[in-house]
Structures are given as C-alpha cells and as structure tokens.
Amino acid sequence: MFPYLGSFDGILPFHRIKRYYQSVPLDNWKEQCSPLDAHIYEHRPAEEVDQSKYYGTHNATVRGLPVIDQDFFSDFWFKSIKAKKEGYFAKIITSNPGHTEPPHKDFYPSFLNNVNPDDGSPITTNNIHEVGKKIIRCWIPLQDSKVGHLLFSDDFCLHTWKVGDVFQLPTGVTHGFVNAGREDRYTLVFTGWRNDD
C-alpha cells in the first residue's frame, strides 16, 4: 500500500513543473537503467540482483531530471509532509511505453550515495530499514493516470490518480512501476529527511 498524503494541487506549482520539464530536451535528461546499475549493487537483496537478468535498456530504461535547483517546494510543502528543507533530493522521472522499473526496495542511491550517514558504512539490507525510518519519499504524478501506467507492490497496484495527488513510498516495501500504456509517463519523486519536531 502507498499511503495517500493528500492533494497538493495548491501547494506544488504543477503548471510550472510541467512547463519546466517540457522545456528541457530529452538529451539533457540522465538515462538510467536500474537493473544494470542500482539493482546489482553488491548489498542489494539477492532476488533483485537475480531478476536483473530479465531487464535491460530494451525494457527498463527511464530518464531522470534533477529539480533541486528549481524552487518547486515551498515551506508549506516541507511542513505538510514533515520533512527538513536541508539536504532533500528531487527529480522528475519519465518512462516510455514498454518500460518498467522492476520490483525493488528503496536504498535511496541518489540520496544516500550507498553510504549510511550514521557511521559511513555501506547501505545494506541489514541497515536500510533503520536508516530508512529517517527518510520520507513521495511519489508525485505529474499527469492524471493513463491506461497502462501502474505503481505496484507485492499486494497492491495503484492505477488511478490525479495531478496534485501525493503518495508515500514507505521504506522496506518492495515496489516498482510499469508503463504498459500508449504515452510517456512523468512523475516527480521527492526524498528528504523526516522532521519529527
């Protein structure tokens, strides 16, 4: 299950975000294929490493566009989701029809760089749960749901949403996404430190 955090239509500047990503040529986005890099990291769960043989650039490529320099997140956003303003990471991800992000647990490589901030040791299946309790990750669709656009976990599939909806991707939950549709899919992923004060 992906907890629904609410509609943030008046809090996040969705029109400005869309204008921004539409203005950036795809050649300027970073192409990535998690099964060929992040999912084969030596400390990932064995099932993620093993499943990587089924995926490659032909069916699991996405493009990412970091947006931490765009000032899309207001003070009210951070207060609403109880996150610290310092040290967050956010990027827009697009995937073409026929591509997927295979099942995985978040290790937050673009946020933690595979390093435990508590002691400098590598992030592993043994310590990611504790480190992950300090992190909030939000999944923010940038378009209304389309046929074939899915966010899934072991026992749940999210297939309906509106622009403005924000969902949490809980630490330790195996999940992935699929674009089995007819058009490109755009999502904003926000990762930050929890502020429980």
C-alpha atoms as a PDB file:
ATOM      1  CA  MET A   1       0.000   0.000   0.000  1.00  0.00           C
ATOM      2  CA  PHE A   2       1.169   3.527  -0.742  1.00  0.00           C
ATOM      3  CA  PRO A   3      -0.225   5.934   1.864  1.00  0.00           C
ATOM      4  CA  TYR A   4      -2.112   8.838   0.305  1.00  0.00           C
ATOM      5  CA  LEU A   5      -0.757  12.103   1.705  1.00  0.00           C
ATOM      6  CA  GLY A   6      -3.441  14.243   0.073  1.00  0.00           C
ATOM      7  CA  SER A   7      -3.981  16.611  -2.817  1.00  0.00           C
ATOM      8  CA  PHE A   8      -1.206  19.171  -3.059  1.00  0.00           C
ATOM      9  CA  ASP A   9      -2.640  20.942  -6.088  1.00  0.00           C
ATOM     10  CA  GLY A  10      -2.467  24.353  -4.408  1.00  0.00           C
ATOM     11  CA  ILE A  11       0.858  23.662  -2.700  1.00  0.00           C
ATOM     12  CA  LEU A  12       3.085  22.416  -5.530  1.00  0.00           C
ATOM     13  CA  PRO A  13       3.319  24.506  -8.742  1.00  0.00           C
ATOM     14  CA  PHE A  14       2.261  21.751 -11.138  1.00  0.00           C
ATOM     15  CA  HIS A  15       1.873  24.052 -14.164  1.00  0.00           C
ATOM     16  CA  ARG A  16       5.353  25.484 -13.629  1.00  0.00           C
ATOM     17  CA  ILE A  17       6.818  21.993 -13.137  1.00  0.00           C
ATOM     18  CA  LYS A  18       5.235  20.820 -16.400  1.00  0.00           C
ATOM     19  CA  ARG A  19       6.494  23.875 -18.300  1.00  0.00           C
ATOM     20  CA  TYR A  20       9.966  23.220 -16.931  1.00  0.00           C
ATOM     21  CA  TYR A  21      10.235  19.555 -17.906  1.00  0.00           C
ATOM     22  CA  GLN A  22       8.683  20.223 -21.306  1.00  0.00           C
ATOM     23  CA  SER A  23      11.346  22.889 -21.937  1.00  0.00           C
ATOM     24  CA  VAL A  24      14.302  20.557 -21.267  1.00  0.00           C
ATOM     25  CA  PRO A  25      15.356  18.445 -24.288  1.00  0.00           C
ATOM     26  CA  LEU A  26      15.430  14.709 -23.515  1.00  0.00           C
ATOM     27  CA  ASP A  27      19.139  14.684 -24.406  1.00  0.00           C
ATOM     28  CA  ASN A  28      19.689  16.728 -21.222  1.00  0.00           C
ATOM     29  CA  TRP A  29      17.934  14.157 -19.008  1.00  0.00           C
ATOM     30  CA  LYS A  30      20.036  11.405 -17.438  1.00  0.00           C
ATOM     31  CA  GLU A  31      19.246   7.999 -18.875  1.00  0.00           C
ATOM     32  CA  GLN A  32      19.336   5.202 -16.329  1.00  0.00           C
ATOM     33  CA  CYS A  33      18.596   1.507 -16.178  1.00  0.00           C
ATOM     34  CA  SER A  34      18.343   0.358 -12.551  1.00  0.00           C
ATOM     35  CA  PRO A  35      18.721  -3.366 -13.319  1.00  0.00           C
ATOM     36  CA  LEU A  36      22.138  -2.636 -14.812  1.00  0.00           C
ATOM     37  CA  ASP A  37      23.388  -0.348 -12.044  1.00  0.00           C
ATOM     38  CA  ALA A  38      21.427   0.254  -8.818  1.00  0.00           C
ATOM     39  CA  HIS A  39      19.869  -3.224  -8.560  1.00  0.00           C
ATOM     40  CA  ILE A  40      23.175  -5.044  -8.933  1.00  0.00           C
ATOM     41  CA  TYR A  41      24.838  -3.078  -6.118  1.00  0.00           C
ATOM     42  CA  GLU A  42      26.621  -5.685  -4.008  1.00  0.00           C
ATOM     43  CA  HIS A  43      24.471  -5.125  -0.912  1.00  0.00           C
ATOM     44  CA  ARG A  44      21.070  -5.340  -2.640  1.00  0.00           C
ATOM     45  CA  PRO A  45      18.717  -8.248  -1.877  1.00  0.00           C
ATOM     46  CA  ALA A  46      19.647 -11.382  -3.812  1.00  0.00           C
ATOM     47  CA  GLU A  47      16.278 -11.544  -5.579  1.00  0.00           C
ATOM     48  CA  GLU A  48      16.828  -8.061  -7.051  1.00  0.00           C
ATOM     49  CA  VAL A  49      20.274  -8.979  -8.328  1.00  0.00           C
ATOM     50  CA  ASP A  50      18.938 -12.247  -9.770  1.00  0.00           C
ATOM     51  CA  GLN A  51      15.940 -10.669 -11.525  1.00  0.00           C
ATOM     52  CA  SER A  52      18.229  -8.225 -13.308  1.00  0.00           C
ATOM     53  CA  LYS A  53      18.873 -10.891 -15.961  1.00  0.00           C
ATOM     54  CA  TYR A  54      15.357 -10.250 -17.286  1.00  0.00           C
ATOM     55  CA  TYR A  55      15.745  -6.495 -17.686  1.00  0.00           C
ATOM     56  CA  GLY A  56      17.962  -4.164 -19.664  1.00  0.00           C
ATOM     57  CA  THR A  57      17.976  -0.999 -21.711  1.00  0.00           C
ATOM     58  CA  HIS A  58      15.365  -2.507 -24.049  1.00  0.00           C
ATOM     59  CA  ASN A  59      12.642  -2.689 -21.361  1.00  0.00           C
ATOM     60  CA  ALA A  60      13.782  -0.899 -18.178  1.00  0.00           C
ATOM     61  CA  THR A  61      15.177   2.487 -19.165  1.00  0.00           C
ATOM     62  CA  VAL A  62      13.961   5.718 -17.608  1.00  0.00           C
ATOM     63  CA  ARG A  63      15.215   9.286 -17.794  1.00  0.00           C
ATOM     64  CA  GLY A  64      15.711  11.498 -14.760  1.00  0.00           C
ATOM     65  CA  LEU A  65      15.852  15.278 -14.420  1.00  0.00           C
ATOM     66  CA  PRO A  66      17.006  16.622 -11.020  1.00  0.00           C
ATOM     67  CA  VAL A  67      14.992  19.658  -9.927  1.00  0.00           C
ATOM     68  CA  ILE A  68      16.543  20.665  -6.604  1.00  0.00           C
ATOM     69  CA  ASP A  69      17.608  23.988  -8.165  1.00  0.00           C
ATOM     70  CA  GLN A  70      14.095  24.902  -9.349  1.00  0.00           C
ATOM     71  CA  ASP A  71      12.474  26.047  -6.074  1.00  0.00           C
ATOM     72  CA  PHE A  72       9.353  23.928  -6.580  1.00  0.00           C
ATOM     73  CA  PHE A  73       8.956  23.133  -2.871  1.00  0.00           C
ATOM     74  CA  SER A  74       7.570  25.807  -0.541  1.00  0.00           C
ATOM     75  CA  ASP A  75       7.975  25.995   3.219  1.00  0.00           C
ATOM     76  CA  PHE A  76       4.373  24.797   3.461  1.00  0.00           C
ATOM     77  CA  TRP A  77       5.266  21.649   1.479  1.00  0.00           C
ATOM     78  CA  PHE A  78       8.028  20.744   3.941  1.00  0.00           C
ATOM     79  CA  LYS A  79       5.760  21.444   6.901  1.00  0.00           C
ATOM     80  CA  SER A  80       2.883  19.431   5.400  1.00  0.00           C
ATOM     81  CA  ILE A  81       4.938  16.294   4.828  1.00  0.00           C
ATOM     82  CA  LYS A  82       7.075  16.820   7.957  1.00  0.00           C
ATOM     83  CA  ALA A  83      10.396  16.946   6.093  1.00  0.00           C
ATOM     84  CA  LYS A  84      13.501  19.035   6.637  1.00  0.00           C
ATOM     85  CA  LYS A  85      14.323  21.608   3.965  1.00  0.00           C
ATOM     86  CA  GLU A  86      18.023  20.855   4.131  1.00  0.00           C
ATOM     87  CA  GLY A  87      19.511  18.059   2.082  1.00  0.00           C
ATOM     88  CA  TYR A  88      16.482  16.925   0.088  1.00  0.00           C
ATOM     89  CA  PHE A  89      16.679  15.444  -3.408  1.00  0.00           C
ATOM     90  CA  ALA A  90      14.002  15.592  -6.102  1.00  0.00           C
ATOM     91  CA  LYS A  91      13.854  14.534  -9.714  1.00  0.00           C
ATOM     92  CA  ILE A  92      11.350  14.121 -12.473  1.00  0.00           C
ATOM     93  CA  ILE A  93      11.317  10.650 -13.999  1.00  0.00           C
ATOM     94  CA  THR A  94       9.911   9.805 -17.403  1.00  0.00           C
ATOM     95  CA  SER A  95       9.436   6.392 -18.948  1.00  0.00           C
ATOM     96  CA  ASN A  96       8.328   5.429 -22.426  1.00  0.00           C
ATOM     97  CA  PRO A  97       5.649   2.840 -23.164  1.00  0.00           C
ATOM     98  CA  GLY A  98       7.013  -0.688 -22.806  1.00  0.00           C
ATOM     99  CA  HIS A  99       9.402   0.167 -19.961  1.00  0.00           C
ATOM    100  CA  THR A 100       9.312  -0.787 -16.304  1.00  0.00           C
ATOM    101  CA  GLU A 101      11.157  -0.228 -13.055  1.00  0.00           C
ATOM    102  CA  PRO A 102      11.425  -3.819 -11.762  1.00  0.00           C
ATOM    103  CA  PRO A 103      10.422  -4.759  -8.193  1.00  0.00           C
ATOM    104  CA  HIS A 104      12.861  -3.341  -5.650  1.00  0.00           C
ATOM    105  CA  LYS A 105      13.228  -1.920  -2.170  1.00  0.00           C
ATOM    106  CA  ASP A 106      14.441   1.651  -1.987  1.00  0.00           C
ATOM    107  CA  PHE A 107      18.075   2.041  -0.991  1.00  0.00           C
ATOM    108  CA  TYR A 108      17.970   5.739  -1.964  1.00  0.00           C
ATOM    109  CA  PRO A 109      21.184   5.724  -4.053  1.00  0.00           C
ATOM    110  CA  SER A 110      20.742   9.279  -5.375  1.00  0.00           C
ATOM    111  CA  PHE A 111      20.035  10.493  -1.836  1.00  0.00           C
ATOM    112  CA  LEU A 112      22.443   8.443   0.298  1.00  0.00           C
ATOM    113  CA  ASN A 113      25.027   7.511  -2.339  1.00  0.00           C
ATOM    114  CA  ASN A 114      25.006   3.985  -0.837  1.00  0.00           C
ATOM    115  CA  VAL A 115      26.529   5.298   2.422  1.00  0.00           C
ATOM    116  CA  ASN A 116      24.995   5.053   5.886  1.00  0.00           C
ATOM    117  CA  PRO A 117      25.006   8.640   7.189  1.00  0.00           C
ATOM    118  CA  ASP A 118      25.233   7.404  10.785  1.00  0.00           C
ATOM    119  CA  ASP A 119      28.612   5.691  10.519  1.00  0.00           C
ATOM    120  CA  GLY A 120      29.885   5.858   6.911  1.00  0.00           C
ATOM    121  CA  SER A 121      29.387   2.123   6.337  1.00  0.00           C
ATOM    122  CA  PRO A 122      27.758   0.812   3.135  1.00  0.00           C
ATOM    123  CA  ILE A 123      23.977   0.723   2.935  1.00  0.00           C
ATOM    124  CA  THR A 124      22.921  -2.933   3.205  1.00  0.00           C
ATOM    125  CA  THR A 125      19.775  -4.981   3.607  1.00  0.00           C
ATOM    126  CA  ASN A 126      20.622  -5.067   7.333  1.00  0.00           C
ATOM    127  CA  ASN A 127      20.759  -1.308   7.958  1.00  0.00           C
ATOM    128  CA  ILE A 128      18.499   0.261   5.301  1.00  0.00           C
ATOM    129  CA  HIS A 129      15.400  -0.305   7.433  1.00  0.00           C
ATOM    130  CA  GLU A 130      16.779   1.745  10.337  1.00  0.00           C
ATOM    131  CA  VAL A 131      18.236   4.459   8.097  1.00  0.00           C
ATOM    132  CA  GLY A 132      15.004   4.482   6.073  1.00  0.00           C
ATOM    133  CA  LYS A 133      12.933   5.358   9.135  1.00  0.00           C
ATOM    134  CA  LYS A 134      14.565   8.808   8.973  1.00  0.00           C
ATOM    135  CA  ILE A 135      13.657   9.323   5.300  1.00  0.00           C
ATOM    136  CA  ILE A 136      10.418  10.254   3.568  1.00  0.00           C
ATOM    137  CA  ARG A 137       9.957   9.540  -0.128  1.00  0.00           C
ATOM    138  CA  CYS A 138       6.993  10.976  -2.000  1.00  0.00           C
ATOM    139  CA  TRP A 139       5.667   9.804  -5.360  1.00  0.00           C
ATOM    140  CA  ILE A 140       4.049  12.711  -7.182  1.00  0.00           C
ATOM    141  CA  PRO A 141       2.363  12.004 -10.527  1.00  0.00           C
ATOM    142  CA  LEU A 142       2.630  14.914 -12.952  1.00  0.00           C
ATOM    143  CA  GLN A 143      -0.294  13.820 -15.103  1.00  0.00           C
ATOM    144  CA  ASP A 144      -3.636  12.169 -14.494  1.00  0.00           C
ATOM    145  CA  SER A 145      -3.496   8.381 -14.593  1.00  0.00           C
ATOM    146  CA  LYS A 146      -3.403   6.839 -18.053  1.00  0.00           C
ATOM    147  CA  VAL A 147      -4.169   3.343 -19.258  1.00  0.00           C
ATOM    148  CA  GLY A 148      -1.203   1.061 -18.524  1.00  0.00           C
ATOM    149  CA  HIS A 149       0.532   3.400 -16.039  1.00  0.00           C
ATOM    150  CA  LEU A 150       0.903   1.448 -12.792  1.00  0.00           C
ATOM    151  CA  LEU A 151       2.689   1.673  -9.440  1.00  0.00           C
ATOM    152  CA  PHE A 152       2.745  -1.734  -7.773  1.00  0.00           C
ATOM    153  CA  SER A 153       3.834  -3.556  -4.623  1.00  0.00           C
ATOM    154  CA  ASP A 154       3.581  -7.191  -3.527  1.00  0.00           C
ATOM    155  CA  ASP A 155      -0.117  -6.950  -2.736  1.00  0.00           C
ATOM    156  CA  PHE A 156      -1.349  -3.685  -4.242  1.00  0.00           C
ATOM    157  CA  CYS A 157      -1.489  -1.888  -7.570  1.00  0.00           C
ATOM    158  CA  LEU A 158      -2.133   1.843  -7.809  1.00  0.00           C
ATOM    159  CA  HIS A 159      -3.664   2.680 -11.181  1.00  0.00           C
ATOM    160  CA  THR A 160      -5.830   5.749 -10.581  1.00  0.00           C
ATOM    161  CA  TRP A 161      -4.665   9.237  -9.571  1.00  0.00           C
ATOM    162  CA  LYS A 162      -4.992  12.907 -10.456  1.00  0.00           C
ATOM    163  CA  VAL A 163      -2.382  15.617 -10.859  1.00  0.00           C
ATOM    164  CA  GLY A 164      -1.928  17.008  -7.354  1.00  0.00           C
ATOM    165  CA  ASP A 165      -2.142  13.659  -5.570  1.00  0.00           C
ATOM    166  CA  VAL A 166       0.878  12.739  -3.464  1.00  0.00           C
ATOM    167  CA  PHE A 167       1.651   9.254  -2.182  1.00  0.00           C
ATOM    168  CA  GLN A 168       4.340   7.993   0.177  1.00  0.00           C
ATOM    169  CA  LEU A 169       6.702   5.203  -0.846  1.00  0.00           C
ATOM    170  CA  PRO A 170       7.343   3.520   2.520  1.00  0.00           C
ATOM    171  CA  THR A 171      10.812   2.213   3.332  1.00  0.00           C
ATOM    172  CA  GLY A 172      11.120  -1.542   3.078  1.00  0.00           C
ATOM    173  CA  VAL A 173       8.162  -2.018   0.720  1.00  0.00           C
ATOM    174  CA  THR A 174       9.002  -3.857  -2.487  1.00  0.00           C
ATOM    175  CA  HIS A 175       7.562  -1.846  -5.351  1.00  0.00           C
ATOM    176  CA  GLY A 176       8.061  -0.874  -8.975  1.00  0.00           C
ATOM    177  CA  PHE A 177       6.296   0.836 -11.831  1.00  0.00           C
ATOM    178  CA  VAL A 178       5.196  -0.032 -15.318  1.00  0.00           C
ATOM    179  CA  ASN A 179       4.422   1.955 -18.402  1.00  0.00           C
ATOM    180  CA  ALA A 180       2.362  -0.537 -20.357  1.00  0.00           C
ATOM    181  CA  GLY A 181       0.445   2.317 -21.884  1.00  0.00           C
ATOM    182  CA  ARG A 182       0.430   4.431 -25.015  1.00  0.00           C
ATOM    183  CA  GLU A 183       2.210   7.593 -23.908  1.00  0.00           C
ATOM    184  CA  ASP A 184       5.175   8.727 -21.852  1.00  0.00           C
ATOM    185  CA  ARG A 185       4.744   8.800 -18.093  1.00  0.00           C
ATOM    186  CA  TYR A 186       6.002  11.680 -15.907  1.00  0.00           C
ATOM    187  CA  THR A 187       6.449  11.521 -12.147  1.00  0.00           C
ATOM    188  CA  LEU A 188       8.232  13.680  -9.587  1.00  0.00           C
ATOM    189  CA  VAL A 189       9.990  11.796  -6.786  1.00  0.00           C
ATOM    190  CA  PHE A 190      10.906  13.738  -3.633  1.00  0.00           C
ATOM    191  CA  THR A 191      13.259  12.320  -0.995  1.00  0.00           C
ATOM    192  CA  GLY A 192      14.084  14.099   2.244  1.00  0.00           C
ATOM    193  CA  TRP A 193      14.920  13.730   5.910  1.00  0.00           C
ATOM    194  CA  ARG A 194      11.964  13.441   8.229  1.00  0.00           C
ATOM    195  CA  ASN A 195      11.405  16.320  10.602  1.00  0.00           C
ATOM    196  CA  ASP A 196       9.600  14.885  13.600  1.00  0.00           C
ATOM    197  CA  ASP A 197       9.934  18.030  15.693  1.00  0.00           C
END
